[in-house]
C-alpha atoms as a PDB file:
ATOM      1  CA  UNK A   1     -43.994 101.078 -38.472  1.00  0.00           C
ATOM      2  CA  UNK A   2     -47.378 100.275 -36.872  1.00  0.00           C
ATOM      3  CA  UNK A   3     -50.334 100.166 -39.209  1.00  0.00           C
ATOM      4  CA  UNK A   4     -52.934 102.847 -38.408  1.00  0.00           C
ATOM      5  CA  UNK A   5     -56.334 101.683 -37.285  1.00  0.00           C
ATOM      6  CA  UNK A   6     -59.678 103.302 -37.892  1.00  0.00           C
ATOM      7  CA  UNK A   7     -60.382 105.586 -34.917  1.00  0.00           C
ATOM      8  CA  UNK A   8     -63.286 104.473 -32.784  1.00  0.00           C
ATOM      9  CA  UNK A   9     -66.054 107.048 -32.544  1.00  0.00           C
ATOM     10  CA  UNK A  10     -66.415 108.085 -28.906  1.00  0.00           C
ATOM     11  CA  UNK A  11     -69.834 108.088 -27.290  1.00  0.00           C
ATOM     12  CA  UNK A  12     -70.016 111.370 -25.419  1.00  0.00           C
ATOM     13  CA  UNK A  13     -72.541 114.033 -24.522  1.00  0.00           C
ATOM     14  CA  UNK A  14     -69.773 116.485 -23.643  1.00  0.00           C
ATOM     15  CA  UNK A  15     -69.901 119.928 -25.210  1.00  0.00           C
ATOM     16  CA  UNK A  16     -66.670 120.131 -27.212  1.00  0.00           C
ATOM     17  CA  UNK A  17     -66.685 123.925 -27.133  1.00  0.00           C
ATOM     18  CA  UNK A  18     -66.529 123.583 -23.338  1.00  0.00           C
ATOM     19  CA  UNK A  19     -63.265 121.642 -23.670  1.00  0.00           C
ATOM     20  CA  UNK A  20     -61.790 124.393 -25.820  1.00  0.00           C
ATOM     21  CA  UNK A  21     -62.559 127.072 -23.226  1.00  0.00           C
ATOM     22  CA  UNK A  22     -61.803 124.984 -20.147  1.00  0.00           C
ATOM     23  CA  UNK A  23     -58.371 123.796 -21.233  1.00  0.00           C
ATOM     24  CA  UNK A  24     -57.402 127.282 -22.314  1.00  0.00           C
ATOM     25  CA  UNK A  25     -58.288 128.451 -18.804  1.00  0.00           C
ATOM     26  CA  UNK A  26     -56.403 125.487 -17.321  1.00  0.00           C
ATOM     27  CA  UNK A  27     -53.273 126.397 -19.299  1.00  0.00           C
ATOM     28  CA  UNK A  28     -53.486 130.061 -18.282  1.00  0.00           C
ATOM     29  CA  UNK A  29     -53.976 129.219 -14.599  1.00  0.00           C
ATOM     30  CA  UNK A  30     -51.030 126.820 -14.657  1.00  0.00           C
ATOM     31  CA  UNK A  31     -48.658 129.242 -16.385  1.00  0.00           C
ATOM     32  CA  UNK A  32     -49.645 132.759 -15.333  1.00  0.00           C
ATOM     33  CA  UNK A  33     -46.995 134.248 -13.064  1.00  0.00           C
ATOM     34  CA  UNK A  34     -48.201 136.319 -10.079  1.00  0.00           C
ATOM     35  CA  UNK A  35     -48.389 140.058 -10.779  1.00  0.00           C
ATOM     36  CA  UNK A  36     -46.503 140.939  -7.619  1.00  0.00           C
ATOM     37  CA  UNK A  37     -43.295 139.049  -8.360  1.00  0.00           C
ATOM     38  CA  UNK A  38     -40.252 141.199  -9.117  1.00  0.00           C
ATOM     39  CA  UNK A  39     -38.588 138.938 -11.669  1.00  0.00           C
ATOM     40  CA  UNK A  40     -35.596 141.268 -12.009  1.00  0.00           C
ATOM     41  CA  UNK A  41     -34.973 140.774  -8.288  1.00  0.00           C
ATOM     42  CA  UNK A  42     -35.175 136.989  -8.542  1.00  0.00           C
ATOM     43  CA  UNK A  43     -32.938 136.940 -11.627  1.00  0.00           C
ATOM     44  CA  UNK A  44     -30.261 139.256 -10.265  1.00  0.00           C
ATOM     45  CA  UNK A  45     -30.066 137.403  -6.971  1.00  0.00           C
ATOM     46  CA  UNK A  46     -30.336 133.927  -8.485  1.00  0.00           C
ATOM     47  CA  UNK A  47     -33.082 132.820  -6.119  1.00  0.00           C
ATOM     48  CA  UNK A  48     -36.207 130.721  -6.520  1.00  0.00           C
ATOM     49  CA  UNK A  49     -39.744 132.050  -6.359  1.00  0.00           C
ATOM     50  CA  UNK A  50     -40.151 130.422  -2.933  1.00  0.00           C
ATOM     51  CA  UNK A  51     -37.009 132.158  -1.645  1.00  0.00           C
ATOM     52  CA  UNK A  52     -38.270 135.439  -3.092  1.00  0.00           C
ATOM     53  CA  UNK A  53     -41.557 135.083  -1.221  1.00  0.00           C
ATOM     54  CA  UNK A  54     -39.645 134.409   1.999  1.00  0.00           C
ATOM     55  CA  UNK A  55     -37.570 137.581   1.448  1.00  0.00           C
ATOM     56  CA  UNK A  56     -40.669 139.546   0.519  1.00  0.00           C
ATOM     57  CA  UNK A  57     -42.418 138.597   3.751  1.00  0.00           C
ATOM     58  CA  UNK A  58     -39.776 140.530   5.684  1.00  0.00           C
ATOM     59  CA  UNK A  59     -39.306 143.356   3.157  1.00  0.00           C
ATOM     60  CA  UNK A  60     -42.889 144.304   2.311  1.00  0.00           C
ATOM     61  CA  UNK A  61     -45.650 142.539   4.242  1.00  0.00           C
ATOM     62  CA  UNK A  62     -48.410 144.290   2.285  1.00  0.00           C
ATOM     63  CA  UNK A  63     -47.179 143.106  -1.117  1.00  0.00           C
ATOM     64  CA  UNK A  64     -46.516 139.675   0.361  1.00  0.00           C
ATOM     65  CA  UNK A  65     -50.175 139.386   1.426  1.00  0.00           C
ATOM     66  CA  UNK A  66     -51.329 140.454  -2.057  1.00  0.00           C
ATOM     67  CA  UNK A  67     -49.067 137.828  -3.632  1.00  0.00           C
ATOM     68  CA  UNK A  68     -50.411 135.143  -1.307  1.00  0.00           C
ATOM     69  CA  UNK A  69     -54.009 136.174  -2.049  1.00  0.00           C
ATOM     70  CA  UNK A  70     -53.433 136.081  -5.802  1.00  0.00           C
ATOM     71  CA  UNK A  71     -51.798 132.662  -5.523  1.00  0.00           C
ATOM     72  CA  UNK A  72     -54.748 131.354  -3.473  1.00  0.00           C
ATOM     73  CA  UNK A  73     -57.273 132.736  -5.968  1.00  0.00           C
ATOM     74  CA  UNK A  74     -55.450 131.033  -8.863  1.00  0.00           C
ATOM     75  CA  UNK A  75     -55.232 127.758  -6.896  1.00  0.00           C
ATOM     76  CA  UNK A  76     -58.957 127.886  -6.041  1.00  0.00           C
ATOM     77  CA  UNK A  77     -59.849 128.604  -9.673  1.00  0.00           C
ATOM     78  CA  UNK A  78     -57.681 125.713 -10.879  1.00  0.00           C
ATOM     79  CA  UNK A  79     -59.263 123.343  -8.354  1.00  0.00           C
ATOM     80  CA  UNK A  80     -62.720 124.357  -9.551  1.00  0.00           C
ATOM     81  CA  UNK A  81     -61.748 123.606 -13.150  1.00  0.00           C
ATOM     82  CA  UNK A  82     -60.539 120.152 -12.049  1.00  0.00           C
ATOM     83  CA  UNK A  83     -63.790 119.491 -10.184  1.00  0.00           C
ATOM     84  CA  UNK A  84     -65.660 120.410 -13.352  1.00  0.00           C
ATOM     85  CA  UNK A  85     -63.432 118.098 -15.415  1.00  0.00           C
ATOM     86  CA  UNK A  86     -64.177 115.221 -13.038  1.00  0.00           C
ATOM     87  CA  UNK A  87     -67.935 115.831 -13.132  1.00  0.00           C
ATOM     88  CA  UNK A  88     -67.915 115.931 -16.930  1.00  0.00           C
ATOM     89  CA  UNK A  89     -65.582 112.902 -17.253  1.00  0.00           C
ATOM     90  CA  UNK A  90     -63.321 114.546 -19.832  1.00  0.00           C
ATOM     91  CA  UNK A  91     -60.572 111.904 -20.077  1.00  0.00           C
ATOM     92  CA  UNK A  92     -62.357 109.611 -22.603  1.00  0.00           C
ATOM     93  CA  UNK A  93     -62.964 112.641 -24.836  1.00  0.00           C
ATOM     94  CA  UNK A  94     -59.321 113.690 -24.582  1.00  0.00           C
ATOM     95  CA  UNK A  95     -58.186 110.210 -25.561  1.00  0.00           C
ATOM     96  CA  UNK A  96     -60.586 110.261 -28.523  1.00  0.00           C
ATOM     97  CA  UNK A  97     -59.370 113.689 -29.653  1.00  0.00           C
ATOM     98  CA  UNK A  98     -55.662 112.820 -29.539  1.00  0.00           C
ATOM     99  CA  UNK A  99     -56.378 109.402 -30.987  1.00  0.00           C
ATOM    100  CA  UNK A 100     -57.546 111.032 -34.224  1.00  0.00           C
ATOM    101  CA  UNK A 101     -54.106 112.632 -34.680  1.00  0.00           C
ATOM    102  CA  UNK A 102     -51.471 110.397 -36.257  1.00  0.00           C
ATOM    103  CA  UNK A 103     -48.030 110.927 -34.652  1.00  0.00           C
ATOM    104  CA  UNK A 104     -44.977 111.441 -36.850  1.00  0.00           C
ATOM    105  CA  UNK A 105     -42.153 108.902 -36.962  1.00  0.00           C
ATOM    106  CA  UNK A 106     -38.413 109.297 -37.416  1.00  0.00           C
ATOM    107  CA  UNK A 107     -36.121 107.333 -39.739  1.00  0.00           C
ATOM    108  CA  UNK A 108     -35.946 104.486 -37.207  1.00  0.00           C
ATOM    109  CA  UNK A 109     -39.759 104.150 -37.042  1.00  0.00           C
ATOM    110  CA  UNK A 110     -39.852 105.686 -33.585  1.00  0.00           C
ATOM    111  CA  UNK A 111     -42.373 108.353 -32.614  1.00  0.00           C
ATOM    112  CA  UNK A 112     -40.801 111.781 -33.080  1.00  0.00           C
ATOM    113  CA  UNK A 113     -42.439 113.666 -30.205  1.00  0.00           C
ATOM    114  CA  UNK A 114     -40.992 117.117 -30.913  1.00  0.00           C
ATOM    115  CA  UNK A 115     -41.852 116.935 -34.621  1.00  0.00           C
ATOM    116  CA  UNK A 116     -45.350 115.666 -33.813  1.00  0.00           C
ATOM    117  CA  UNK A 117     -46.176 118.400 -31.288  1.00  0.00           C
ATOM    118  CA  UNK A 118     -44.647 121.088 -33.521  1.00  0.00           C
ATOM    119  CA  UNK A 119     -46.725 119.874 -36.456  1.00  0.00           C
ATOM    120  CA  UNK A 120     -49.925 119.843 -34.379  1.00  0.00           C
ATOM    121  CA  UNK A 121     -49.308 123.380 -33.099  1.00  0.00           C
ATOM    122  CA  UNK A 122     -48.593 124.645 -36.626  1.00  0.00           C
ATOM    123  CA  UNK A 123     -51.753 122.972 -37.905  1.00  0.00           C
ATOM    124  CA  UNK A 124     -53.722 124.629 -35.103  1.00  0.00           C
ATOM    125  CA  UNK A 125     -52.319 128.048 -36.006  1.00  0.00           C
ATOM    126  CA  UNK A 126     -53.553 127.472 -39.572  1.00  0.00           C
ATOM    127  CA  UNK A 127     -57.034 126.527 -38.339  1.00  0.00           C
ATOM    128  CA  UNK A 128     -56.762 122.838 -39.217  1.00  0.00           C
ATOM    129  CA  UNK A 129     -57.256 121.244 -35.780  1.00  0.00           C
ATOM    130  CA  UNK A 130     -60.875 120.748 -34.729  1.00  0.00           C
ATOM    131  CA  UNK A 131     -62.902 118.821 -32.196  1.00  0.00           C
ATOM    132  CA  UNK A 132     -65.399 116.291 -33.532  1.00  0.00           C
ATOM    133  CA  UNK A 133     -68.168 118.897 -33.683  1.00  0.00           C
ATOM    134  CA  UNK A 134     -66.015 121.258 -35.777  1.00  0.00           C
ATOM    135  CA  UNK A 135     -64.962 123.538 -32.908  1.00  0.00           C
ATOM    136  CA  UNK A 136     -61.576 125.075 -33.721  1.00  0.00           C
ATOM    137  CA  UNK A 137     -58.860 124.101 -31.240  1.00  0.00           C
ATOM    138  CA  UNK A 138     -56.331 126.862 -30.594  1.00  0.00           C
ATOM    139  CA  UNK A 139     -52.758 126.563 -29.346  1.00  0.00           C
ATOM    140  CA  UNK A 140     -53.338 127.406 -25.631  1.00  0.00           C
ATOM    141  CA  UNK A 141     -56.046 124.723 -25.555  1.00  0.00           C
ATOM    142  CA  UNK A 142     -53.674 122.144 -27.051  1.00  0.00           C
ATOM    143  CA  UNK A 143     -50.967 123.035 -24.544  1.00  0.00           C
ATOM    144  CA  UNK A 144     -53.487 122.907 -21.712  1.00  0.00           C
ATOM    145  CA  UNK A 145     -54.598 119.424 -22.748  1.00  0.00           C
ATOM    146  CA  UNK A 146     -51.003 118.149 -22.896  1.00  0.00           C
ATOM    147  CA  UNK A 147     -50.179 119.582 -19.461  1.00  0.00           C
ATOM    148  CA  UNK A 148     -53.378 118.091 -18.043  1.00  0.00           C
ATOM    149  CA  UNK A 149     -52.582 114.646 -19.448  1.00  0.00           C
ATOM    150  CA  UNK A 150     -49.048 114.817 -17.989  1.00  0.00           C
ATOM    151  CA  UNK A 151     -50.231 115.790 -14.495  1.00  0.00           C
ATOM    152  CA  UNK A 152     -48.972 113.844 -11.474  1.00  0.00           C
ATOM    153  CA  UNK A 153     -50.411 112.686  -9.136  1.00  0.00           C
ATOM    154  CA  UNK A 154     -53.594 111.706 -10.931  1.00  0.00           C
ATOM    155  CA  UNK A 155     -55.661 113.611  -8.379  1.00  0.00           C
ATOM    156  CA  UNK A 156     -54.496 116.600 -10.447  1.00  0.00           C
ATOM    157  CA  UNK A 157     -56.616 115.386 -13.372  1.00  0.00           C
ATOM    158  CA  UNK A 158     -59.703 115.239 -11.205  1.00  0.00           C
ATOM    159  CA  UNK A 159     -59.462 111.583 -10.175  1.00  0.00           C
ATOM    160  CA  UNK A 160     -60.529 110.841  -6.628  1.00  0.00           C
ATOM    161  CA  UNK A 161     -58.034 109.479  -4.115  1.00  0.00           C
ATOM    162  CA  UNK A 162     -56.955 106.873  -3.351  1.00  0.00           C
ATOM    163  CA  UNK A 163     -56.954 105.652  -6.944  1.00  0.00           C
ATOM    164  CA  UNK A 164     -56.297 102.037  -5.985  1.00  0.00           C
ATOM    165  CA  UNK A 165     -59.821 101.736  -4.607  1.00  0.00           C
ATOM    166  CA  UNK A 166     -61.834 102.882  -7.618  1.00  0.00           C
ATOM    167  CA  UNK A 167     -62.415 101.439 -11.079  1.00  0.00           C
ATOM    168  CA  UNK A 168     -61.744 104.885 -12.558  1.00  0.00           C
ATOM    169  CA  UNK A 169     -58.461 105.029 -10.654  1.00  0.00           C
ATOM    170  CA  UNK A 170     -57.377 101.660 -12.014  1.00  0.00           C
ATOM    171  CA  UNK A 171     -58.110 102.614 -15.624  1.00  0.00           C
ATOM    172  CA  UNK A 172     -56.427 106.030 -15.524  1.00  0.00           C
ATOM    173  CA  UNK A 173     -53.794 105.441 -12.848  1.00  0.00           C
ATOM    174  CA  UNK A 174     -50.327 106.994 -12.934  1.00  0.00           C
ATOM    175  CA  UNK A 175     -48.931 103.885 -14.659  1.00  0.00           C
ATOM    176  CA  UNK A 176     -50.935 104.780 -17.768  1.00  0.00           C
ATOM    177  CA  UNK A 177     -49.336 107.606 -19.814  1.00  0.00           C
ATOM    178  CA  UNK A 178     -52.540 109.215 -21.072  1.00  0.00           C
ATOM    179  CA  UNK A 179     -51.381 110.802 -24.321  1.00  0.00           C
ATOM    180  CA  UNK A 180     -49.300 107.785 -25.338  1.00  0.00           C
ATOM    181  CA  UNK A 181     -52.217 105.508 -24.502  1.00  0.00           C
ATOM    182  CA  UNK A 182     -54.487 107.529 -26.824  1.00  0.00           C
ATOM    183  CA  UNK A 183     -52.190 106.727 -29.764  1.00  0.00           C
ATOM    184  CA  UNK A 184     -51.938 103.112 -28.638  1.00  0.00           C
ATOM    185  CA  UNK A 185     -55.731 102.807 -28.334  1.00  0.00           C
ATOM    186  CA  UNK A 186     -56.720 104.537 -31.581  1.00  0.00           C
ATOM    187  CA  UNK A 187     -53.619 104.262 -33.783  1.00  0.00           C
ATOM    188  CA  UNK A 188     -52.080 100.963 -32.599  1.00  0.00           C
ATOM    189  CA  UNK A 189     -48.807 102.722 -31.706  1.00  0.00           C
ATOM    190  CA  UNK A 190     -47.172 100.497 -29.098  1.00  0.00           C
ATOM    191  CA  UNK A 191     -45.149 101.943 -26.233  1.00  0.00           C
ATOM    192  CA  UNK A 192     -42.104 100.198 -27.675  1.00  0.00           C
ATOM    193  CA  UNK A 193     -42.388 102.588 -30.659  1.00  0.00           C
ATOM    194  CA  UNK A 194     -40.950 105.430 -28.536  1.00  0.00           C
ATOM    195  CA  UNK A 195     -37.394 106.281 -27.536  1.00  0.00           C
ATOM    196  CA  UNK A 196     -38.443 105.844 -23.918  1.00  0.00           C
ATOM    197  CA  UNK A 197     -35.228 107.143 -22.391  1.00  0.00           C
ATOM    198  CA  UNK A 198     -34.971 110.281 -24.523  1.00  0.00           C
ATOM    199  CA  UNK A 199     -35.284 113.801 -23.133  1.00  0.00           C
ATOM    200  CA  UNK A 200     -38.161 114.522 -25.524  1.00  0.00           C
ATOM    201  CA  UNK A 201     -40.442 112.211 -23.509  1.00  0.00           C
ATOM    202  CA  UNK A 202     -40.861 114.944 -20.898  1.00  0.00           C
ATOM    203  CA  UNK A 203     -43.024 116.855 -23.376  1.00  0.00           C
ATOM    204  CA  UNK A 204     -45.828 114.293 -23.030  1.00  0.00           C
ATOM    205  CA  UNK A 205     -45.304 112.620 -19.635  1.00  0.00           C
ATOM    206  CA  UNK A 206     -44.719 113.744 -16.051  1.00  0.00           C
ATOM    207  CA  UNK A 207     -41.410 113.418 -14.164  1.00  0.00           C
ATOM    208  CA  UNK A 208     -42.369 110.238 -12.270  1.00  0.00           C
ATOM    209  CA  UNK A 209     -43.431 108.458 -15.452  1.00  0.00           C
ATOM    210  CA  UNK A 210     -40.213 109.689 -17.065  1.00  0.00           C
ATOM    211  CA  UNK A 211     -38.246 108.040 -14.244  1.00  0.00           C
ATOM    212  CA  UNK A 212     -40.168 104.819 -14.795  1.00  0.00           C
ATOM    213  CA  UNK A 213     -39.633 104.751 -18.554  1.00  0.00           C
ATOM    214  CA  UNK A 214     -35.896 105.352 -18.093  1.00  0.00           C
ATOM    215  CA  UNK A 215     -35.741 101.876 -16.539  1.00  0.00           C
ATOM    216  CA  UNK A 216     -37.641 100.071 -19.301  1.00  0.00           C
ATOM    217  CA  UNK A 217     -35.494  97.257 -20.707  1.00  0.00           C
ATOM    218  CA  UNK A 218     -32.745  97.560 -18.099  1.00  0.00           C
ATOM    219  CA  UNK A 219     -31.478  94.434 -16.388  1.00  0.00           C
ATOM    220  CA  UNK A 220     -32.783  93.976 -12.843  1.00  0.00           C
ATOM    221  CA  UNK A 221     -29.844  93.334 -10.464  1.00  0.00           C
ATOM    222  CA  UNK A 222     -32.043  91.503  -7.942  1.00  0.00           C
ATOM    223  CA  UNK A 223     -33.367  87.983  -8.155  1.00  0.00           C
ATOM    224  CA  UNK A 224     -37.058  87.199  -8.005  1.00  0.00           C
ATOM    225  CA  UNK A 225     -36.695  85.863  -4.448  1.00  0.00           C
ATOM    226  CA  UNK A 226     -34.935  89.079  -3.361  1.00  0.00           C
ATOM    227  CA  UNK A 227     -37.738  91.188  -4.830  1.00  0.00           C
ATOM    228  CA  UNK A 228     -40.307  89.025  -3.028  1.00  0.00           C
ATOM    229  CA  UNK A 229     -38.425  89.664   0.215  1.00  0.00           C
ATOM    230  CA  UNK A 230     -38.322  93.428  -0.457  1.00  0.00           C
ATOM    231  CA  UNK A 231     -42.038  93.310  -1.222  1.00  0.00           C
ATOM    232  CA  UNK A 232     -42.767  91.595   2.078  1.00  0.00           C
ATOM    233  CA  UNK A 233     -40.685  94.183   3.945  1.00  0.00           C
ATOM    234  CA  UNK A 234     -42.508  97.066   2.220  1.00  0.00           C
ATOM    235  CA  UNK A 235     -45.931  95.622   3.032  1.00  0.00           C
ATOM    236  CA  UNK A 236     -44.947  94.933   6.645  1.00  0.00           C
ATOM    237  CA  UNK A 237     -43.707  98.510   7.091  1.00  0.00           C
ATOM    238  CA  UNK A 238     -47.002  99.879   5.739  1.00  0.00           C
ATOM    239  CA  UNK A 239     -49.839 100.689   8.116  1.00  0.00           C
ATOM    240  CA  UNK A 240     -52.392  98.939   5.864  1.00  0.00           C
ATOM    241  CA  UNK A 241     -50.484  95.649   5.391  1.00  0.00           C
ATOM    242  CA  UNK A 242     -51.972  95.281   1.911  1.00  0.00           C
ATOM    243  CA  UNK A 243     -50.088  95.293  -1.414  1.00  0.00           C
ATOM    244  CA  UNK A 244     -52.525  97.629  -3.197  1.00  0.00           C
ATOM    245  CA  UNK A 245     -52.326 100.125  -0.310  1.00  0.00           C
ATOM    246  CA  UNK A 246     -48.544 100.559  -0.256  1.00  0.00           C
ATOM    247  CA  UNK A 247     -47.988 103.935  -1.935  1.00  0.00           C
ATOM    248  CA  UNK A 248     -44.638 104.899  -0.423  1.00  0.00           C
ATOM    249  CA  UNK A 249     -41.668 102.515  -0.328  1.00  0.00           C
ATOM    250  CA  UNK A 250     -39.108 105.034   0.884  1.00  0.00           C
ATOM    251  CA  UNK A 251     -36.421 103.206   2.906  1.00  0.00           C
ATOM    252  CA  UNK A 252     -38.814 100.295   3.449  1.00  0.00           C
ATOM    253  CA  UNK A 253     -36.308  97.541   2.521  1.00  0.00           C
ATOM    254  CA  UNK A 254     -32.897  96.539   3.885  1.00  0.00           C
ATOM    255  CA  UNK A 255     -31.223  97.343   0.539  1.00  0.00           C
ATOM    256  CA  UNK A 256     -29.822 100.875   0.253  1.00  0.00           C
ATOM    257  CA  UNK A 257     -29.341 100.396  -3.482  1.00  0.00           C
ATOM    258  CA  UNK A 258     -32.982  99.447  -3.964  1.00  0.00           C
ATOM    259  CA  UNK A 259     -34.214 102.233  -1.673  1.00  0.00           C
ATOM    260  CA  UNK A 260     -32.375 104.771  -3.850  1.00  0.00           C
ATOM    261  CA  UNK A 261     -34.470 103.935  -6.930  1.00  0.00           C
ATOM    262  CA  UNK A 262     -37.241 106.313  -8.094  1.00  0.00           C
ATOM    263  CA  UNK A 263     -40.597 105.724  -6.383  1.00  0.00           C
ATOM    264  CA  UNK A 264     -42.532 104.321  -9.343  1.00  0.00           C
ATOM    265  CA  UNK A 265     -39.658 102.029 -10.296  1.00  0.00           C
ATOM    266  CA  UNK A 266     -39.668 100.523  -6.801  1.00  0.00           C
ATOM    267  CA  UNK A 267     -43.446 100.132  -6.831  1.00  0.00           C
ATOM    268  CA  UNK A 268     -43.331  98.491 -10.273  1.00  0.00           C
ATOM    269  CA  UNK A 269     -40.538  96.077  -9.325  1.00  0.00           C
ATOM    270  CA  UNK A 270     -42.326  95.071  -6.120  1.00  0.00           C
ATOM    271  CA  UNK A 271     -45.778  95.075  -7.775  1.00  0.00           C
ATOM    272  CA  UNK A 272     -47.333  97.310  -5.146  1.00  0.00           C
ATOM    273  CA  UNK A 273     -50.128  99.912  -5.204  1.00  0.00           C
ATOM    274  CA  UNK A 274     -51.571 100.314  -8.747  1.00  0.00           C
ATOM    275  CA  UNK A 275     -48.742  98.089 -10.037  1.00  0.00           C
ATOM    276  CA  UNK A 276     -50.206  95.036  -8.304  1.00  0.00           C
ATOM    277  CA  UNK A 277     -50.942  92.408 -11.008  1.00  0.00           C
ATOM    278  CA  UNK A 278     -54.563  92.015  -9.885  1.00  0.00           C
ATOM    279  CA  UNK A 279     -55.170  95.677 -10.734  1.00  0.00           C
ATOM    280  CA  UNK A 280     -53.762  95.405 -14.265  1.00  0.00           C
ATOM    281  CA  UNK A 281     -55.708  97.317 -16.901  1.00  0.00           C
ATOM    282  CA  UNK A 282     -54.979  97.657 -20.631  1.00  0.00           C
ATOM    283  CA  UNK A 283     -52.662 100.552 -21.570  1.00  0.00           C
ATOM    284  CA  UNK A 284     -50.921 100.539 -18.162  1.00  0.00           C
ATOM    285  CA  UNK A 285     -47.124 100.238 -18.084  1.00  0.00           C
ATOM    286  CA  UNK A 286     -46.384  97.727 -15.330  1.00  0.00           C
ATOM    287  CA  UNK A 287     -43.748  95.500 -16.940  1.00  0.00           C
ATOM    288  CA  UNK A 288     -40.267  97.051 -16.970  1.00  0.00           C
ATOM    289  CA  UNK A 289     -38.975  94.500 -19.465  1.00  0.00           C
ATOM    290  CA  UNK A 290     -41.765  94.988 -22.000  1.00  0.00           C
ATOM    291  CA  UNK A 291     -44.058  98.011 -21.566  1.00  0.00           C
ATOM    292  CA  UNK A 292     -46.690  96.514 -23.887  1.00  0.00           C
ATOM    293  CA  UNK A 293     -47.086  93.289 -21.884  1.00  0.00           C
ATOM    294  CA  UNK A 294     -48.829  92.631 -18.596  1.00  0.00           C
ATOM    295  CA  UNK A 295     -46.492  91.833 -15.682  1.00  0.00           C
ATOM    296  CA  UNK A 296     -45.637  88.313 -14.566  1.00  0.00           C
ATOM    297  CA  UNK A 297     -46.638  88.044 -10.870  1.00  0.00           C
ATOM    298  CA  UNK A 298     -43.757  87.847  -8.396  1.00  0.00           C
ATOM    299  CA  UNK A 299     -45.669  85.361  -6.280  1.00  0.00           C
ATOM    300  CA  UNK A 300     -47.843  82.489  -7.443  1.00  0.00           C
ATOM    301  CA  UNK A 301     -50.850  83.583  -5.389  1.00  0.00           C
ATOM    302  CA  UNK A 302     -51.271  86.788  -7.413  1.00  0.00           C
ATOM    303  CA  UNK A 303     -54.354  86.994  -9.595  1.00  0.00           C
ATOM    304  CA  UNK A 304     -53.579  86.992 -13.317  1.00  0.00           C
END
């Protein structure tokens, strides 16, 4: 079991009470269902919300317009919260907050995510979770922070696009699982201390990162020279012709088996976009054989 380290004291001028209010609002905006949705109708007919809206457009145009307006208002409000988060640079404070909380481990010395989150929520309900200034953190705020740190793409956490062209984007790119990196930074809990392929991972990471972690430690069926060839094909099919600019590798190689892989797995294997070795930053997961190690460049001209 990793030995806990003394948490570093963050240097921040951010108002912690602001975080408490803002993330509560973020959680509510992300999870509030529109008032005009007839959930009995969707349940009885076994249809999605999108299909319901399509039906509603033909059934009741007036209610449909109200639903669309409410959805737009919620989207605009959420975007404003994200703009505010970016201006206030909240990510370092989030990492510091979660880094003060020691995760729980199971009998195999692996992080028990469900037990950890349950414990934190119970502690919050009992008034035992506080920001550094003593501000009480309630449950909706905790849930809002977790959802925010899981968000994909990273533009959804207020980072500017394209992330590959900014220092901020490199540090907090999609290949860095934010909540896990907080425990790695402040508590010395390596990524290898998780059951990376377990269903419980989805509680703290987004679906693309979940796809990536499912492949950690699996044997690569392609040789290094084959991956180099795939990489060349992907770069050539891109309009920018630059490794760090290749964001989409959909059907960009002559291997159907490779093309069928999840997007981040392909990018990691070919060392493209934010997975390019020259963009490596601490706490990023770029090596599918060892998530705690930096990747070995596919080609010798890569910058270490």
